[in-house]
Amino acid sequence: MNCGKIKKRESVVYFYKKVIVMSTKLSRVILICSIACSQAVAHDLPVFYRAAVLDGQPGKSVDDWHSTLSISYLQGETSHAWNEHGHKCGLLDAWGQLDVTQLGVGVQSKVAPLTTYWNDSGTGSFDTATFTGNDGKVSIAGHSETKELSLNLRQNLFSGFYLFGYVPVREIKNNRITPTYLGTNADVQAFLGTNFSGDFATILSAYGYRPLTTSYRKTEVSDTLVGVGWQGIDTTSFDIIDSLSGGGEIGVTIPFGAQQKQNCIASVPTGYNGHWGIKAQLAGEVGLWKFLGFGAATSATMFFREERTIHMKTDEDQPGIIALDSGYAQVDHGSLWSVSGYAKITPAAMVSCYVGASFVRQEKTELEVRDDVFLSTVVANSLIPDEDGNVLAPLVSKDEVVNSDERFQAWEMYTLHLKATVDMSSKIKSFFAPAVSFQYSLPLAGKHVFPSDVMSGTFDANLQWKF
């Protein structure tokens, strides 16, 4: 009898051990799948090369010392851009189509074969010829992909105050760079050469550029956001209103992301191009009848000025992504701001569905030329003596020329958001109560942007620490 009971107990123990092992494996599979289909709910640092995600939704817990760790992932891609008019165009035509007949105008130090096509004694234009239609115009197509894995930590303190940190690891890949000459002028075609490997390629190399078709790929810890916030939740019944939630945050964007590579036209910064910034945000949500909710958020990010050497235009009529000459300038990175809103339906205790929209805009970046040599020819050519032979002030300033560059103009994007969440914290009151969310963000309109639609989601580990 005793032996039978012992064997039975051993069988039961063995069975439970197998269940625990299987449960552990299943939990790991669920965790991995959740991470593989996730995206941060609470924070985002929008960039022009992908759709923003729905930002600024209030957390559900303001309990003292409550912790939420979100592990997030997103990805998107596109093969076109939207230009200054909001029209579809080649990927690298987002800042205007390149016109090679204007490429060498105003360049301070001309090297061969640049002097063959743009001479100082003449008009300074390409071959002093007359061009019609698309002569000289080059369209640059390409394909852009972006992926992002991020950590988002919120640590409640007391009385609604909390600390937060948002750390994204971003990958941006711009490849399949394909330039196409749009005109019919034979002289220009000869200058460009077969597959853009003629004198044009030699000039690009002389001014520090890699070949035009060079792809770009970068994976790194990008700009990080850390700060402090406050949130309040009122669940007192006001007839149809069953909850009110709102608060604000202020944080610092730390420029861990590398600056844009000056030698590759397909490169873009993964973050805010090496600029420190301050981001402030306000958000709120009202819940109605236990199953309906409406929320809104607004944010603004202002950046500190930096000084650096960059490629800049040497004539106001130069369009496109390539500027040959370089100069030292103070860069005032344009402020970034956003507004968003959403409607939420909660058909079940743990399930919520969202429909939202957002608008993001970064203002124009302003440059102030700092050196005394760069663009001196442009300014000198605009000096016009009066009738007595006295030289008047220049008609063109250095700053006017460089700030006419479309690469530094404002960009904006309107985005539609569809989202669903499963939040177990509403039912599970234990140390670990996870939540999973999925989101699709679709750009609807914009200027100077890559309209990459984004699939994303979040795995939240809601933890209740006992300090």
Protein backbone atom coordinates (compact mmCIF):
# COMPACT_ATOMS: atom_id res chain seq x y z
CA MET A 1 0.00 0.00 0.00
CA ASN A 2 2.72 2.45 1.00
CA CYS A 3 4.74 1.63 -2.11
CA GLY A 4 1.67 2.20 -4.27
CA LYS A 5 0.97 5.57 -2.66
CA ILE A 6 4.59 6.61 -3.09
CA LYS A 7 4.56 5.66 -6.77
CA LYS A 8 1.27 7.48 -7.21
CA ARG A 9 2.68 10.57 -5.57
CA GLU A 10 5.80 10.34 -7.74
CA SER A 11 3.59 10.09 -10.84
CA VAL A 12 1.63 13.18 -9.76
CA VAL A 13 4.85 15.10 -9.06
CA TYR A 14 6.25 14.03 -12.43
CA PHE A 15 3.03 15.12 -14.13
CA TYR A 16 3.14 18.57 -12.49
CA LYS A 17 6.80 18.94 -13.36
CA LYS A 18 5.96 18.24 -17.01
CA VAL A 19 3.12 20.77 -16.87
CA ILE A 20 5.43 23.39 -15.34
CA VAL A 21 8.09 22.75 -18.00
CA MET A 22 5.50 22.94 -20.77
CA SER A 23 3.99 26.09 -19.25
CA THR A 24 7.42 27.66 -19.02
CA LYS A 25 8.14 26.85 -22.66
CA LEU A 26 4.71 28.12 -23.68
CA SER A 27 5.26 31.33 -21.72
CA ARG A 28 8.57 31.84 -23.47
CA VAL A 29 6.95 31.29 -26.86
CA ILE A 30 4.18 33.75 -26.02
CA LEU A 31 6.73 36.28 -24.76
CA ILE A 32 8.88 35.95 -27.89
CA CYS A 33 5.83 36.25 -30.17
CA SER A 34 4.63 39.28 -28.27
CA ILE A 35 8.02 40.95 -28.54
CA ALA A 36 8.13 40.15 -32.24
CA CYS A 37 4.83 41.99 -32.80
CA SER A 38 5.13 44.99 -30.50
CA GLN A 39 5.47 48.79 -30.35
CA ALA A 40 5.63 51.31 -27.54
CA VAL A 41 2.27 52.70 -26.41
CA ALA A 42 3.31 55.63 -24.28
CA HIS A 43 6.09 57.32 -26.21
CA ASP A 44 7.45 57.98 -29.67
CA LEU A 45 10.09 60.24 -31.20
CA PRO A 46 8.65 60.91 -34.67
CA VAL A 47 10.91 61.03 -37.74
CA PHE A 48 10.22 61.96 -41.37
CA TYR A 49 11.00 58.51 -42.78
CA ARG A 50 8.15 56.56 -41.15
CA ALA A 51 4.63 57.03 -39.83
CA ALA A 52 4.33 58.14 -36.22
CA VAL A 53 2.65 55.84 -33.72
CA LEU A 54 -0.27 56.89 -31.53
CA ASP A 55 1.48 58.75 -28.73
CA GLY A 56 0.47 60.12 -25.36
CA GLN A 57 -2.13 57.66 -24.07
CA PRO A 58 -2.38 57.78 -20.27
CA GLY A 59 -1.35 54.69 -18.29
CA LYS A 60 -3.99 52.79 -16.38
CA SER A 61 -2.23 52.72 -13.02
CA VAL A 62 -1.13 55.62 -10.87
CA ASP A 63 -0.51 53.43 -7.84
CA ASP A 64 2.59 54.37 -5.89
CA TRP A 65 5.68 52.41 -7.00
CA HIS A 66 3.86 50.62 -9.83
CA SER A 67 6.25 49.77 -12.69
CA THR A 68 5.57 49.18 -16.38
CA LEU A 69 8.20 47.85 -18.77
CA SER A 70 7.24 47.81 -22.47
CA ILE A 71 9.21 45.86 -25.05
CA SER A 72 8.34 47.10 -28.51
CA TYR A 73 8.91 46.45 -32.18
CA LEU A 74 7.79 48.14 -35.41
CA GLN A 75 8.60 47.94 -39.07
CA GLY A 76 7.58 49.64 -42.29
CA GLU A 77 8.75 50.33 -45.83
CA THR A 78 8.07 52.44 -48.91
CA SER A 79 9.38 52.97 -52.43
CA HIS A 80 8.34 56.60 -52.86
CA ALA A 81 8.21 59.95 -51.08
CA TRP A 82 5.97 63.02 -50.90
CA ASN A 83 7.56 66.25 -52.13
CA GLU A 84 6.98 69.88 -51.09
CA HIS A 85 3.57 69.85 -52.81
CA GLY A 86 2.48 66.61 -51.13
CA HIS A 87 2.72 64.72 -54.43
CA LYS A 88 4.11 61.22 -54.88
CA CYS A 89 7.68 61.19 -56.20
CA GLY A 90 10.89 59.18 -56.26
CA LEU A 91 12.27 58.42 -52.81
CA LEU A 92 15.16 60.91 -52.95
CA ASP A 93 13.09 63.49 -54.85
CA ALA A 94 11.44 64.39 -51.53
CA TRP A 95 13.54 67.57 -51.56
CA GLY A 96 13.10 68.33 -55.25
CA GLN A 97 14.51 66.78 -58.41
CA LEU A 98 18.21 67.25 -58.98
CA ASP A 99 19.07 69.68 -61.81
CA VAL A 100 22.66 69.00 -62.88
CA THR A 101 22.78 72.18 -65.01
CA GLN A 102 22.78 74.16 -61.75
CA LEU A 103 25.12 71.89 -59.82
CA GLY A 104 28.30 73.98 -60.12
CA VAL A 105 26.88 77.50 -59.98
CA GLY A 106 28.61 79.54 -57.27
CA VAL A 107 30.96 76.75 -56.17
CA GLN A 108 33.99 78.46 -54.59
CA SER A 109 36.80 76.09 -55.59
CA LYS A 110 36.17 74.44 -58.93
CA VAL A 111 38.13 71.35 -59.87
CA ALA A 112 38.32 69.53 -63.18
CA PRO A 113 36.04 68.48 -64.77
CA LEU A 114 33.79 71.00 -63.01
CA THR A 115 35.57 73.87 -64.77
CA THR A 116 34.67 72.32 -68.14
CA TYR A 117 30.96 72.77 -67.55
CA TRP A 118 30.77 75.73 -65.15
CA ASN A 119 33.27 78.51 -65.94
CA ASP A 120 33.84 81.74 -64.05
CA SER A 121 34.29 83.90 -67.14
CA GLY A 122 30.89 83.03 -68.56
CA THR A 123 27.50 82.86 -66.92
CA GLY A 124 28.67 80.13 -64.60
CA SER A 125 25.95 77.78 -65.82
CA PHE A 126 26.29 74.40 -67.44
CA ASP A 127 27.87 74.81 -70.92
CA THR A 128 26.13 78.24 -71.21
CA ALA A 129 23.40 76.42 -73.11
CA THR A 130 19.65 76.88 -73.30
CA PHE A 131 17.64 74.03 -71.85
CA THR A 132 14.00 73.18 -72.31
CA GLY A 133 11.54 70.86 -70.62
CA ASN A 134 13.25 68.36 -68.35
CA ASP A 135 16.75 68.91 -69.73
CA GLY A 136 19.18 68.48 -66.85
CA LYS A 137 16.59 66.98 -64.48
CA VAL A 138 17.46 63.75 -62.69
CA SER A 139 14.91 61.73 -60.71
CA ILE A 140 16.35 59.49 -57.98
CA ALA A 141 14.22 56.50 -56.99
CA GLY A 142 14.89 54.10 -54.14
CA HIS A 143 13.43 51.84 -51.47
CA SER A 144 13.35 52.59 -47.74
CA GLU A 145 12.88 50.16 -44.85
CA THR A 146 12.78 50.93 -41.15
CA LYS A 147 12.68 48.70 -38.08
CA GLU A 148 12.69 49.59 -34.42
CA LEU A 149 13.03 47.69 -31.16
CA SER A 150 12.50 49.84 -28.09
CA LEU A 151 12.28 49.72 -24.31
CA ASN A 152 9.85 51.97 -22.50
CA LEU A 153 10.07 52.07 -18.70
CA ARG A 154 7.70 53.93 -16.41
CA GLN A 155 8.33 53.94 -12.67
CA ASN A 156 5.59 55.49 -10.54
CA LEU A 157 6.77 57.33 -7.46
CA PHE A 158 4.02 58.87 -5.30
CA SER A 159 1.07 61.25 -5.63
CA GLY A 160 0.86 60.61 -9.38
CA PHE A 161 4.50 61.49 -10.17
CA TYR A 162 6.64 59.09 -12.15
CA LEU A 163 9.93 58.72 -14.00
CA PHE A 164 10.14 57.40 -17.54
CA GLY A 165 12.68 56.37 -20.14
CA TYR A 166 12.29 55.51 -23.84
CA VAL A 167 15.25 53.83 -25.58
CA PRO A 168 14.82 52.87 -29.26
CA VAL A 169 17.19 50.73 -31.32
CA ARG A 170 16.52 51.77 -34.91
CA GLU A 171 17.49 50.37 -38.28
CA ILE A 172 17.11 52.41 -41.44
CA LYS A 173 17.95 51.02 -44.87
CA ASN A 174 17.75 53.02 -48.10
CA ASN A 175 18.71 50.95 -51.12
CA ARG A 176 17.87 50.30 -54.78
CA ILE A 177 19.02 53.86 -55.51
CA THR A 178 18.21 54.37 -59.20
CA PRO A 179 18.82 57.74 -60.90
CA THR A 180 17.03 58.47 -64.19
CA TYR A 181 17.82 61.34 -66.55
CA LEU A 182 14.50 62.87 -67.60
CA GLY A 183 15.63 65.19 -70.40
CA THR A 184 16.77 64.81 -74.01
CA ASN A 185 19.78 67.12 -74.16
CA ALA A 186 22.71 65.08 -75.49
CA ASP A 187 25.39 67.26 -73.82
CA VAL A 188 23.88 66.66 -70.42
CA GLN A 189 23.58 62.94 -71.10
CA ALA A 190 27.25 62.83 -72.07
CA PHE A 191 28.16 64.65 -68.86
CA LEU A 192 26.19 62.14 -66.80
CA GLY A 193 27.70 59.22 -68.69
CA THR A 194 26.40 55.67 -68.99
CA ASN A 195 24.82 54.67 -65.67
CA PHE A 196 25.94 58.03 -64.21
CA SER A 197 29.59 57.05 -64.24
CA GLY A 198 30.95 59.87 -66.41
CA ASP A 199 32.24 63.32 -65.46
CA PHE A 200 29.31 63.62 -63.07
CA ALA A 201 30.64 60.72 -60.96
CA THR A 202 34.15 62.22 -61.02
CA ILE A 203 32.81 65.53 -59.71
CA LEU A 204 30.87 63.84 -56.91
CA SER A 205 34.03 62.03 -55.82
CA ALA A 206 36.07 65.25 -55.90
CA TYR A 207 33.65 66.90 -53.49
CA GLY A 208 33.55 64.05 -51.02
CA TYR A 209 30.53 62.03 -52.21
CA ARG A 210 30.40 58.30 -52.73
CA PRO A 211 28.80 57.07 -56.01
CA LEU A 212 25.21 58.21 -56.51
CA THR A 213 23.80 54.68 -56.35
CA THR A 214 25.42 53.87 -52.98
CA SER A 215 22.98 52.26 -50.53
CA TYR A 216 22.76 53.26 -46.89
CA ARG A 217 22.13 51.09 -43.84
CA LYS A 218 22.46 51.91 -40.15
CA THR A 219 21.45 50.08 -36.96
CA GLU A 220 22.07 51.74 -33.63
CA VAL A 221 20.69 52.91 -30.31
CA SER A 222 19.00 56.10 -31.45
CA ASP A 223 17.99 59.25 -29.63
CA THR A 224 16.68 58.46 -26.15
CA LEU A 225 14.01 60.24 -24.11
CA VAL A 226 14.15 60.41 -20.31
CA GLY A 227 12.12 62.60 -17.99
CA VAL A 228 9.50 63.05 -15.30
CA GLY A 229 5.72 63.21 -15.47
CA TRP A 230 2.52 63.44 -13.48
CA GLN A 231 -0.81 61.68 -14.06
CA GLY A 232 -4.12 61.69 -12.26
CA ILE A 233 -7.11 59.35 -12.61
CA ASP A 234 -10.61 60.07 -11.28
CA THR A 235 -13.02 57.13 -11.33
CA THR A 236 -15.78 58.90 -9.41
CA SER A 237 -19.05 58.58 -11.27
CA PHE A 238 -20.35 61.69 -13.03
CA ASP A 239 -23.47 60.14 -14.54
CA ILE A 240 -22.30 58.96 -17.96
CA ILE A 241 -18.62 59.84 -17.27
CA ASP A 242 -17.01 56.95 -15.43
CA SER A 243 -13.34 57.99 -15.60
CA LEU A 244 -11.10 60.96 -16.26
CA SER A 245 -7.36 60.65 -16.81
CA GLY A 246 -4.76 63.22 -17.74
CA GLY A 247 -1.32 64.54 -17.08
CA GLY A 248 1.89 65.92 -18.50
CA GLU A 249 5.53 65.06 -19.07
CA ILE A 250 8.76 66.87 -19.66
CA GLY A 251 11.91 65.12 -20.79
CA VAL A 252 15.28 65.41 -22.47
CA THR A 253 16.10 63.86 -25.84
CA ILE A 254 19.68 62.55 -25.69
CA PRO A 255 21.34 62.33 -29.14
CA PHE A 256 22.73 58.80 -29.13
CA GLY A 257 21.90 58.48 -32.84
CA ALA A 258 24.67 59.33 -35.31
CA GLN A 259 24.56 62.41 -37.52
CA GLN A 260 23.72 62.17 -41.21
CA LYS A 261 26.66 60.98 -43.32
CA GLN A 262 27.82 63.84 -45.54
CA ASN A 263 29.37 61.53 -48.17
CA CYS A 264 26.25 59.45 -48.98
CA ILE A 265 23.16 61.03 -50.48
CA ALA A 266 20.92 58.14 -49.37
CA SER A 267 21.82 58.55 -45.70
CA VAL A 268 19.42 59.90 -43.09
CA PRO A 269 19.94 60.36 -39.34
CA THR A 270 18.21 57.73 -37.21
CA GLY A 271 17.26 60.44 -34.71
CA TYR A 272 17.48 64.23 -34.65
CA ASN A 273 20.89 64.54 -36.29
CA GLY A 274 22.95 64.99 -33.14
CA HIS A 275 20.81 67.66 -31.47
CA TRP A 276 19.87 67.70 -27.79
CA GLY A 277 16.25 68.63 -27.16
CA ILE A 278 13.52 69.23 -24.59
CA LYS A 279 10.15 67.51 -25.12
CA ALA A 280 6.96 68.49 -23.28
CA GLN A 281 3.67 66.64 -23.61
CA LEU A 282 0.09 66.88 -22.35
CA ALA A 283 -2.45 64.03 -22.65
CA GLY A 284 -5.92 63.20 -21.40
CA GLU A 285 -8.73 60.69 -21.72
CA VAL A 286 -12.41 60.60 -20.75
CA GLY A 287 -14.31 57.33 -20.33
CA LEU A 288 -18.06 57.07 -20.93
CA TRP A 289 -20.56 54.30 -20.03
CA LYS A 290 -17.75 51.85 -19.16
CA PHE A 291 -17.14 50.96 -22.82
CA LEU A 292 -16.44 54.22 -24.70
CA GLY A 293 -13.54 56.64 -24.41
CA PHE A 294 -12.02 59.66 -26.12
CA GLY A 295 -8.46 60.87 -25.77
CA ALA A 296 -6.14 63.58 -27.07
CA ALA A 297 -2.49 64.57 -26.74
CA THR A 298 -0.16 67.31 -27.84
CA SER A 299 3.61 67.62 -27.63
CA ALA A 300 6.41 69.99 -28.58
CA THR A 301 10.15 69.36 -28.84
CA MET A 302 12.68 72.17 -29.04
CA PHE A 303 16.32 71.55 -29.92
CA PHE A 304 19.58 73.21 -28.92
CA ARG A 305 21.74 74.77 -31.63
CA GLU A 306 24.85 73.04 -32.91
CA GLU A 307 27.78 74.12 -35.10
CA ARG A 308 29.16 71.79 -37.75
CA THR A 309 30.56 71.47 -41.29
CA ILE A 310 27.92 70.42 -43.82
CA HIS A 311 27.22 70.47 -47.55
CA MET A 312 25.31 73.63 -48.44
CA LYS A 313 23.89 75.20 -51.56
CA THR A 314 25.84 77.83 -53.47
CA ASP A 315 22.90 79.20 -55.47
CA GLU A 316 19.21 79.66 -54.71
CA ASP A 317 18.24 77.92 -57.96
CA GLN A 318 19.96 74.63 -57.06
CA PRO A 319 17.27 71.99 -56.35
CA GLY A 320 17.59 68.43 -55.15
CA ILE A 321 19.55 66.45 -52.61
CA ILE A 322 23.13 67.23 -53.76
CA ALA A 323 25.14 70.32 -52.77
CA LEU A 324 28.80 70.19 -53.75
CA ASP A 325 30.45 72.78 -51.54
CA SER A 326 30.80 72.56 -47.76
CA GLY A 327 30.89 75.19 -45.06
CA TYR A 328 30.80 75.67 -41.32
CA ALA A 329 27.45 76.84 -39.96
CA GLN A 330 25.36 77.13 -36.84
CA VAL A 331 22.38 74.79 -37.20
CA ASP A 332 19.10 75.71 -35.53
CA HIS A 333 17.16 72.43 -35.86
CA GLY A 334 13.47 73.13 -36.43
CA SER A 335 11.09 72.54 -33.51
CA LEU A 336 8.95 69.40 -33.67
CA TRP A 337 5.35 69.30 -32.50
CA SER A 338 2.37 66.97 -32.77
CA VAL A 339 -1.33 66.65 -31.96
CA SER A 340 -3.35 63.46 -31.86
CA GLY A 341 -6.76 62.16 -30.88
CA TYR A 342 -8.58 58.86 -30.70
CA ALA A 343 -11.83 57.10 -29.92
CA LYS A 344 -11.76 53.89 -27.89
CA ILE A 345 -14.29 51.09 -27.55
CA THR A 346 -13.97 48.47 -24.80
CA PRO A 347 -16.24 45.56 -25.80
CA ALA A 348 -14.82 43.29 -23.07
CA ALA A 349 -13.10 43.82 -19.76
CA MET A 350 -9.60 43.18 -21.11
CA VAL A 351 -10.02 44.25 -24.75
CA SER A 352 -9.94 47.78 -26.21
CA CYS A 353 -10.06 48.96 -29.82
CA TYR A 354 -8.85 52.37 -30.99
CA VAL A 355 -9.31 54.56 -34.06
CA GLY A 356 -7.11 57.65 -34.04
CA ALA A 357 -5.37 60.30 -36.10
CA SER A 358 -2.28 62.41 -35.60
CA PHE A 359 -0.47 65.35 -37.17
CA VAL A 360 3.30 65.80 -36.85
CA ARG A 361 5.30 68.75 -38.14
CA GLN A 362 8.94 69.76 -37.87
CA GLU A 363 9.59 73.41 -38.61
CA LYS A 364 12.25 74.68 -41.00
CA THR A 365 15.89 74.27 -39.96
CA GLU A 366 17.76 77.58 -40.04
CA LEU A 367 21.46 77.87 -40.89
CA GLU A 368 23.82 80.71 -40.06
CA VAL A 369 27.07 80.56 -42.01
CA ARG A 370 30.07 80.98 -39.70
CA ASP A 371 33.17 80.97 -41.94
CA ASP A 372 34.51 83.85 -44.08
CA VAL A 373 35.41 81.88 -47.21
CA PHE A 374 32.40 79.77 -48.06
CA LEU A 375 30.07 81.52 -50.51
CA SER A 376 32.31 84.58 -50.82
CA THR A 377 32.11 84.32 -54.62
CA VAL A 378 28.31 84.32 -54.50
CA VAL A 379 28.27 87.46 -52.36
CA ALA A 380 30.97 89.17 -54.45
CA ASN A 381 29.02 88.54 -57.67
CA SER A 382 26.01 90.31 -56.16
CA LEU A 383 27.94 93.50 -55.38
CA ILE A 384 26.73 96.21 -57.74
CA PRO A 385 28.45 99.64 -57.84
CA ASP A 386 26.32 102.75 -58.00
CA GLU A 387 26.67 105.44 -60.68
CA ASP A 388 29.62 106.97 -58.81
CA GLY A 389 31.46 103.66 -58.67
CA ASN A 390 30.81 103.02 -55.00
CA VAL A 391 30.13 99.39 -54.14
CA LEU A 392 26.79 98.87 -52.51
CA ALA A 393 25.85 96.20 -49.98
CA PRO A 394 25.48 92.71 -51.49
CA LEU A 395 22.08 91.84 -52.89
CA VAL A 396 22.40 88.26 -51.70
CA SER A 397 23.48 87.13 -48.23
CA LYS A 398 25.15 83.83 -47.46
CA ASP A 399 22.32 82.84 -45.14
CA GLU A 400 19.68 83.54 -47.80
CA VAL A 401 21.35 81.14 -50.18
CA VAL A 402 21.85 78.23 -47.80
CA ASN A 403 18.40 78.56 -46.20
CA SER A 404 16.67 78.28 -49.57
CA ASP A 405 17.71 74.61 -49.65
CA GLU A 406 14.67 72.31 -49.65
CA ARG A 407 16.56 69.77 -47.53
CA PHE A 408 16.14 72.14 -44.57
CA GLN A 409 12.48 73.04 -45.13
CA ALA A 410 9.65 71.98 -42.82
CA TRP A 411 8.17 68.49 -43.09
CA GLU A 412 4.75 67.28 -41.96
CA MET A 413 2.65 64.12 -41.90
CA TYR A 414 -1.00 63.20 -41.24
CA THR A 415 -1.47 59.62 -40.02
CA LEU A 416 -4.40 57.26 -39.39
CA HIS A 417 -4.05 54.79 -36.48
CA LEU A 418 -5.88 51.50 -35.86
CA LYS A 419 -5.08 49.71 -32.64
CA ALA A 420 -6.23 46.84 -30.39
CA THR A 421 -5.07 45.95 -26.87
CA VAL A 422 -5.51 43.07 -24.47
CA ASP A 423 -4.78 44.21 -20.91
CA MET A 424 -4.75 41.51 -18.25
CA SER A 425 -4.12 44.01 -15.44
CA SER A 426 -7.85 44.73 -15.31
CA LYS A 427 -8.45 41.14 -14.16
CA ILE A 428 -5.14 40.01 -12.69
CA LYS A 429 -4.14 41.73 -9.45
CA SER A 430 -0.80 39.98 -9.00
CA PHE A 431 2.84 40.99 -9.23
CA PHE A 432 2.88 40.35 -13.00
CA ALA A 433 -0.10 41.37 -15.16
CA PRO A 434 0.97 41.69 -18.81
CA ALA A 435 -0.71 43.56 -21.66
CA VAL A 436 -0.30 43.24 -25.43
CA SER A 437 -1.24 45.80 -28.10
CA PHE A 438 -1.10 45.88 -31.89
CA GLN A 439 -1.24 48.93 -34.12
CA TYR A 440 -1.30 49.86 -37.80
CA SER A 441 -0.29 53.43 -38.69
CA LEU A 442 -0.99 54.67 -42.22
CA PRO A 443 0.27 58.03 -43.55
CA LEU A 444 -2.53 59.88 -45.34
CA ALA A 445 -0.79 63.07 -46.48
CA GLY A 446 2.43 64.97 -45.95
CA LYS A 447 5.32 67.01 -47.33
CA HIS A 448 9.05 66.19 -47.55
CA VAL A 449 8.49 62.73 -46.01
CA PHE A 450 8.82 59.00 -46.72
CA PRO A 451 5.27 57.63 -46.25
CA SER A 452 6.24 54.31 -44.64
CA ASP A 453 3.17 52.66 -43.15
CA VAL A 454 4.02 50.88 -39.90
CA MET A 455 2.90 47.63 -38.30
CA SER A 456 3.58 47.66 -34.58
CA GLY A 457 2.57 46.44 -31.15
CA THR A 458 3.62 46.34 -27.50
CA PHE A 459 4.25 43.79 -24.81
CA ASP A 460 3.83 45.45 -21.38
CA ALA A 461 5.04 43.84 -18.19
CA ASN A 462 3.05 45.53 -15.43
CA LEU A 463 4.96 44.97 -12.19
CA GLN A 464 3.99 45.90 -8.65
CA TRP A 465 7.16 46.40 -6.67
CA LYS A 466 7.03 46.31 -2.88
CA PHE A 467 9.68 48.74 -1.65
